[in-house]
């Protein structure tokens, strides 16, 4: 290993449900816990106002703090689900309809009966696919106005991009975690899930938060948030790349390596690879015809001011 990738001083610690690394002014904690219990689910559902995914990991989170600047960022389940549309879907929400969606919604809002709901009771609508454009949030800040703002990246500045060559180098991984936030099988209509992954290497921090949606025989959708920080940057800089893609189910299915093996259609990495490698016109303009506002790619940066 060259001097350029020498391992910096760092500290690792852990508890039964969390792991922490302290490195180069950063403190990063990943906490993974069992699925939320009934009491926790009731409280979260009351706060959100719609039924929760079948597997809700309400106590899971990924937290980052840059001690020198006080900048903090968090990925957690409540934050992710706050990005799900509650109420009637409108233009840009990317609503997806299947033949028995109305019956499915009623089964989720009134699971104790197989009978139709009385006409005097209206099941509160919400996005049953749990689509979210969640890209993390700032937390524990007394003065929100003091939080540095994300600004559009300068495409001419190489520091304002995520260097794939650095991420694909065989450098040692000092810290790695996978943090599931939620998952739902959409009443056997497909799958919706959000998984956050982080790895810390000698030269950088890289996070991938990926929402993946499969609605069988209708569409595939992916929303990725990538966050990158290089320890070598002279002024602490964090890069965030947000991308969304979707395509009709059959178009993705045609990319299967083996026609009769549908297994890859349950693999979030395969789905993301197929969608992201399609022409932009197909996966970010036309999509699956839902006019979802998440169909885009955007790169932002935040400059972390060092405390005096």
Protein backbone atom coordinates (compact mmCIF):
# COMPACT_ATOMS: atom_id res chain seq x y z
CA UNK A 1 0.00 0.00 0.00
CA UNK A 2 1.40 3.39 -1.02
CA UNK A 3 1.90 6.32 1.31
CA UNK A 4 -1.08 8.00 -0.34
CA UNK A 5 -3.34 5.33 1.09
CA UNK A 6 -1.68 4.96 4.48
CA UNK A 7 -4.24 4.18 7.16
CA UNK A 8 -4.94 7.28 9.30
CA UNK A 9 -5.33 7.05 13.04
CA UNK A 10 -8.85 6.02 13.93
CA UNK A 11 -10.84 4.49 16.78
CA UNK A 12 -13.52 1.80 16.54
CA UNK A 13 -16.06 1.06 19.24
CA UNK A 14 -19.29 -0.89 19.43
CA UNK A 15 -22.30 -1.78 21.54
CA UNK A 16 -24.68 -4.73 20.98
CA UNK A 17 -26.65 -2.70 18.40
CA UNK A 18 -24.27 -0.05 17.09
CA UNK A 19 -20.77 0.54 15.76
CA UNK A 20 -18.81 3.80 15.73
CA UNK A 21 -15.66 5.04 14.02
CA UNK A 22 -13.80 8.23 14.91
CA UNK A 23 -11.47 9.39 12.15
CA UNK A 24 -10.12 12.74 10.91
CA UNK A 25 -12.53 14.94 12.91
CA UNK A 26 -15.49 12.71 12.00
CA UNK A 27 -17.64 10.59 14.31
CA UNK A 28 -19.84 8.09 12.47
CA UNK A 29 -22.31 5.73 14.12
CA UNK A 30 -24.41 3.02 12.49
CA UNK A 31 -27.15 1.46 14.59
CA UNK A 32 -29.02 -1.66 13.49
CA UNK A 33 -31.84 -3.10 15.57
CA UNK A 34 -34.73 -5.57 15.27
CA UNK A 35 -38.00 -4.59 13.61
CA UNK A 36 -39.95 -2.07 15.67
CA UNK A 37 -42.36 -3.54 18.20
CA UNK A 38 -46.11 -2.85 18.25
CA UNK A 39 -45.87 0.09 20.64
CA UNK A 40 -43.13 1.75 18.60
CA UNK A 41 -45.04 1.16 15.37
CA UNK A 42 -48.23 2.65 16.82
CA UNK A 43 -46.38 5.80 17.85
CA UNK A 44 -44.66 6.20 14.49
CA UNK A 45 -47.84 5.50 12.54
CA UNK A 46 -49.69 8.12 14.60
CA UNK A 47 -46.97 10.65 13.80
CA UNK A 48 -47.02 9.89 10.06
CA UNK A 49 -50.74 9.40 9.55
CA UNK A 50 -50.61 6.31 7.33
CA UNK A 51 -49.95 2.55 7.73
CA UNK A 52 -46.32 1.57 8.12
CA UNK A 53 -44.36 -0.82 5.88
CA UNK A 54 -44.52 -4.47 6.93
CA UNK A 55 -40.93 -4.34 8.14
CA UNK A 56 -40.20 -1.01 9.79
CA UNK A 57 -36.80 -0.63 11.44
CA UNK A 58 -37.74 2.44 13.45
CA UNK A 59 -34.65 2.38 15.68
CA UNK A 60 -32.09 2.09 12.89
CA UNK A 61 -30.00 5.06 11.87
CA UNK A 62 -26.74 6.30 10.41
CA UNK A 63 -25.37 9.46 12.04
CA UNK A 64 -22.40 11.57 10.96
CA UNK A 65 -20.79 14.47 12.78
CA UNK A 66 -17.89 16.61 11.65
CA UNK A 67 -16.59 17.80 15.01
CA UNK A 68 -14.43 20.62 13.68
CA UNK A 69 -17.41 22.39 12.10
CA UNK A 70 -20.32 20.98 14.11
CA UNK A 71 -22.00 19.76 10.90
CA UNK A 72 -24.26 16.74 11.46
CA UNK A 73 -26.28 14.51 9.18
CA UNK A 74 -28.63 11.61 9.82
CA UNK A 75 -30.38 8.86 7.91
CA UNK A 76 -33.25 7.28 9.86
CA UNK A 77 -36.58 5.56 9.29
CA UNK A 78 -38.89 8.36 10.39
CA UNK A 79 -37.07 10.81 8.15
CA UNK A 80 -37.36 8.42 5.20
CA UNK A 81 -41.08 7.81 5.74
CA UNK A 82 -41.76 11.52 6.13
CA UNK A 83 -40.86 11.66 2.44
CA UNK A 84 -43.76 9.33 1.56
CA UNK A 85 -46.83 11.18 0.27
CA UNK A 86 -49.77 11.03 2.64
CA UNK A 87 -53.16 11.96 1.21
CA UNK A 88 -54.33 12.07 -2.39
CA UNK A 89 -51.52 11.73 -4.90
CA UNK A 90 -50.99 14.70 -7.17
CA UNK A 91 -49.01 15.53 -10.30
CA UNK A 92 -45.36 14.69 -9.78
CA UNK A 93 -45.92 12.21 -6.93
CA UNK A 94 -45.39 9.28 -9.30
CA UNK A 95 -48.52 7.41 -8.25
CA UNK A 96 -48.74 3.76 -9.29
CA UNK A 97 -52.05 1.97 -9.73
CA UNK A 98 -52.68 -1.75 -9.98
CA UNK A 99 -55.98 -3.42 -10.65
CA UNK A 100 -56.77 -4.06 -6.99
CA UNK A 101 -54.99 -1.12 -5.34
CA UNK A 102 -58.18 0.23 -3.77
CA UNK A 103 -58.94 -3.09 -2.10
CA UNK A 104 -55.31 -3.33 -0.99
CA UNK A 105 -55.45 0.11 0.63
CA UNK A 106 -58.57 -0.84 2.53
CA UNK A 107 -56.96 -4.06 3.73
CA UNK A 108 -54.06 -2.05 5.15
CA UNK A 109 -56.18 0.64 6.82
CA UNK A 110 -58.71 -1.82 8.25
CA UNK A 111 -56.88 -5.15 8.62
CA UNK A 112 -59.37 -6.60 11.11
CA UNK A 113 -62.15 -7.22 8.61
CA UNK A 114 -62.57 -8.80 5.22
CA UNK A 115 -65.76 -6.87 4.55
CA UNK A 116 -65.89 -3.62 2.57
CA UNK A 117 -65.54 -0.52 4.71
CA UNK A 118 -68.80 1.27 5.51
CA UNK A 119 -69.54 4.15 3.20
CA UNK A 120 -69.33 6.53 6.16
CA UNK A 121 -65.66 5.62 6.69
CA UNK A 122 -63.04 6.79 4.22
CA UNK A 123 -59.71 5.00 4.19
CA UNK A 124 -57.06 7.72 4.22
CA UNK A 125 -55.16 7.56 0.95
CA UNK A 126 -51.39 7.54 0.81
CA UNK A 127 -48.66 6.37 -1.53
CA UNK A 128 -48.96 2.62 -1.07
CA UNK A 129 -45.57 2.08 -2.80
CA UNK A 130 -43.76 4.05 -0.04
CA UNK A 131 -41.82 5.98 -2.68
CA UNK A 132 -39.50 8.47 -0.99
CA UNK A 133 -36.89 10.89 -2.28
CA UNK A 134 -35.24 11.01 1.14
CA UNK A 135 -31.61 12.10 0.99
CA UNK A 136 -30.81 12.35 4.69
CA UNK A 137 -31.46 15.25 7.05
CA UNK A 138 -29.66 17.47 9.51
CA UNK A 139 -30.37 16.96 13.19
CA UNK A 140 -29.69 18.22 16.70
CA UNK A 141 -29.01 21.75 15.50
CA UNK A 142 -30.04 24.55 17.84
CA UNK A 143 -29.77 27.19 15.12
CA UNK A 144 -30.96 25.80 11.76
CA UNK A 145 -29.87 29.01 10.04
CA UNK A 146 -26.28 28.16 10.97
CA UNK A 147 -26.32 24.86 9.05
CA UNK A 148 -24.27 25.27 5.84
CA UNK A 149 -26.55 25.03 2.81
CA UNK A 150 -26.19 22.57 -0.04
CA UNK A 151 -25.34 24.44 -3.24
CA UNK A 152 -25.25 23.28 -6.84
CA UNK A 153 -21.95 21.69 -7.77
CA UNK A 154 -19.66 23.37 -10.28
CA UNK A 155 -19.33 20.88 -13.16
CA UNK A 156 -15.95 22.39 -14.01
CA UNK A 157 -14.55 21.73 -10.53
CA UNK A 158 -13.25 18.16 -10.17
CA UNK A 159 -13.61 18.40 -6.38
CA UNK A 160 -17.39 18.74 -6.91
CA UNK A 161 -17.79 15.20 -8.19
CA UNK A 162 -17.54 11.69 -6.80
CA UNK A 163 -14.30 10.05 -8.03
CA UNK A 164 -15.24 6.53 -9.07
CA UNK A 165 -11.57 5.61 -9.51
CA UNK A 166 -10.94 6.23 -5.82
CA UNK A 167 -13.96 4.19 -4.79
CA UNK A 168 -12.96 1.22 -6.92
CA UNK A 169 -9.37 1.05 -5.67
CA UNK A 170 -8.65 -2.00 -3.49
CA UNK A 171 -8.03 0.14 -0.40
CA UNK A 172 -8.76 -1.39 3.00
CA UNK A 173 -12.23 -0.78 4.39
CA UNK A 174 -11.92 0.59 7.91
CA UNK A 175 -15.65 0.69 8.64
CA UNK A 176 -18.66 -0.79 6.86
CA UNK A 177 -22.35 -0.99 7.73
CA UNK A 178 -25.68 -1.77 6.11
CA UNK A 179 -28.66 -0.03 7.73
CA UNK A 180 -32.11 -1.16 6.53
CA UNK A 181 -34.84 1.40 7.18
CA UNK A 182 -37.95 -0.31 5.83
CA UNK A 183 -39.23 -3.03 3.52
CA UNK A 184 -42.68 -3.99 2.25
CA UNK A 185 -43.88 -6.64 -0.20
CA UNK A 186 -46.83 -4.49 -1.29
CA UNK A 187 -49.33 -7.23 -0.57
CA UNK A 188 -47.54 -9.57 -2.99
CA UNK A 189 -47.58 -6.93 -5.73
CA UNK A 190 -43.80 -6.46 -5.62
CA UNK A 191 -41.34 -4.90 -3.20
CA UNK A 192 -40.42 -1.51 -1.73
CA UNK A 193 -37.34 -1.03 0.42
CA UNK A 194 -34.75 1.49 1.54
CA UNK A 195 -31.22 0.47 2.53
CA UNK A 196 -28.36 2.75 3.59
CA UNK A 197 -24.77 1.56 3.25
CA UNK A 198 -21.56 3.24 4.33
CA UNK A 199 -17.89 2.47 3.99
CA UNK A 200 -14.96 4.40 5.35
CA UNK A 201 -11.59 3.95 3.68
CA UNK A 202 -8.20 5.50 4.44
CA UNK A 203 -8.88 8.38 2.04
CA UNK A 204 -12.62 8.96 2.14
CA UNK A 205 -16.18 8.37 3.35
CA UNK A 206 -18.80 7.00 0.95
CA UNK A 207 -22.53 6.52 1.60
CA UNK A 208 -25.16 5.02 -0.68
CA UNK A 209 -28.81 5.32 0.33
CA UNK A 210 -30.94 3.36 -2.16
CA UNK A 211 -34.72 3.18 -2.44
CA UNK A 212 -35.87 0.39 -4.74
CA UNK A 213 -39.41 -0.21 -5.96
CA UNK A 214 -40.73 -3.14 -7.96
CA UNK A 215 -44.40 -3.25 -8.87
CA UNK A 216 -44.88 -6.53 -10.69
CA UNK A 217 -45.87 -6.16 -14.33
CA UNK A 218 -45.97 -2.35 -13.95
CA UNK A 219 -42.59 -0.71 -13.26
CA UNK A 220 -39.22 -0.54 -11.53
CA UNK A 221 -38.01 2.61 -9.74
CA UNK A 222 -34.75 3.51 -8.00
CA UNK A 223 -33.78 6.61 -6.04
CA UNK A 224 -30.11 6.84 -5.06
CA UNK A 225 -28.35 9.27 -2.76
CA UNK A 226 -24.56 9.11 -2.81
CA UNK A 227 -22.50 11.12 -0.33
CA UNK A 228 -18.74 11.46 -0.59
CA UNK A 229 -16.08 13.20 1.47
CA UNK A 230 -12.34 13.14 0.78
CA UNK A 231 -10.05 13.45 3.78
CA UNK A 232 -7.54 15.13 1.46
CA UNK A 233 -9.74 18.15 0.63
CA UNK A 234 -8.09 21.36 1.83
CA UNK A 235 -11.45 22.87 2.80
CA UNK A 236 -13.79 20.19 4.19
CA UNK A 237 -16.27 19.49 1.40
CA UNK A 238 -19.12 16.99 1.17
CA UNK A 239 -20.51 15.99 -2.23
CA UNK A 240 -24.06 14.68 -2.59
CA UNK A 241 -25.34 13.12 -5.82
CA UNK A 242 -29.07 12.42 -6.03
CA UNK A 243 -30.52 10.39 -8.91
CA UNK A 244 -33.87 8.84 -9.75
CA UNK A 245 -34.81 6.45 -12.54
CA UNK A 246 -37.78 4.30 -13.53
CA UNK A 247 -38.86 2.17 -16.44
CA UNK A 248 -41.70 -0.16 -17.39
CA UNK A 249 -41.44 -3.63 -15.90
CA UNK A 250 -41.13 -5.40 -19.26
CA UNK A 251 -38.30 -3.16 -20.43
CA UNK A 252 -36.18 -4.11 -17.42
CA UNK A 253 -37.23 -7.74 -17.71
CA UNK A 254 -35.81 -7.84 -21.24
CA UNK A 255 -32.35 -7.20 -19.76
CA UNK A 256 -32.31 -10.46 -17.82
CA UNK A 257 -29.17 -12.54 -18.49
CA UNK A 258 -31.34 -15.66 -18.68
CA UNK A 259 -34.91 -15.26 -19.90
CA UNK A 260 -36.37 -17.90 -17.59
CA UNK A 261 -34.48 -16.82 -14.46
CA UNK A 262 -36.36 -13.92 -12.84
CA UNK A 263 -34.15 -13.85 -9.74
CA UNK A 264 -32.24 -10.68 -10.76
CA UNK A 265 -35.53 -8.76 -10.72
CA UNK A 266 -35.42 -9.00 -6.92
CA UNK A 267 -31.84 -7.68 -6.78
CA UNK A 268 -31.69 -3.93 -6.07
CA UNK A 269 -28.18 -3.70 -7.55
CA UNK A 270 -29.24 -5.34 -10.82
CA UNK A 271 -32.28 -3.07 -11.09
CA UNK A 272 -30.21 0.06 -10.42
CA UNK A 273 -27.57 -0.99 -12.97
CA UNK A 274 -30.14 -1.59 -15.69
CA UNK A 275 -32.02 1.65 -15.03
CA UNK A 276 -28.91 3.84 -14.74
CA UNK A 277 -27.40 2.44 -17.94
CA UNK A 278 -30.49 3.17 -20.01
CA UNK A 279 -30.52 6.33 -22.13
CA UNK A 280 -31.53 9.32 -20.02
CA UNK A 281 -34.51 9.93 -22.30
CA UNK A 282 -35.85 6.47 -21.42
CA UNK A 283 -35.22 6.29 -17.66
CA UNK A 284 -35.34 9.93 -16.53
CA UNK A 285 -37.62 11.66 -19.02
CA UNK A 286 -40.17 9.08 -20.16
CA UNK A 287 -39.73 6.72 -17.22
CA UNK A 288 -42.78 4.54 -16.81
CA UNK A 289 -45.19 7.34 -17.66
CA UNK A 290 -45.83 8.37 -14.04
CA UNK A 291 -44.31 11.88 -14.36
CA UNK A 292 -42.55 11.30 -11.05
CA UNK A 293 -40.62 14.38 -9.97
CA UNK A 294 -37.78 12.18 -8.74
CA UNK A 295 -36.62 11.44 -12.28
CA UNK A 296 -33.45 13.52 -12.32
CA UNK A 297 -29.77 13.65 -11.47
CA UNK A 298 -28.40 16.44 -9.33
CA UNK A 299 -25.03 17.05 -7.69
CA UNK A 300 -24.68 19.37 -4.69
CA UNK A 301 -21.88 20.27 -2.31
CA UNK A 302 -21.67 21.69 1.18
CA UNK A 303 -18.59 23.47 2.49
CA UNK A 304 -17.90 22.86 6.15
CA UNK A 305 -16.61 25.93 7.95
CA UNK A 306 -14.07 25.07 10.63
CA UNK A 307 -14.81 26.37 14.11
CA UNK A 308 -12.46 29.11 15.25
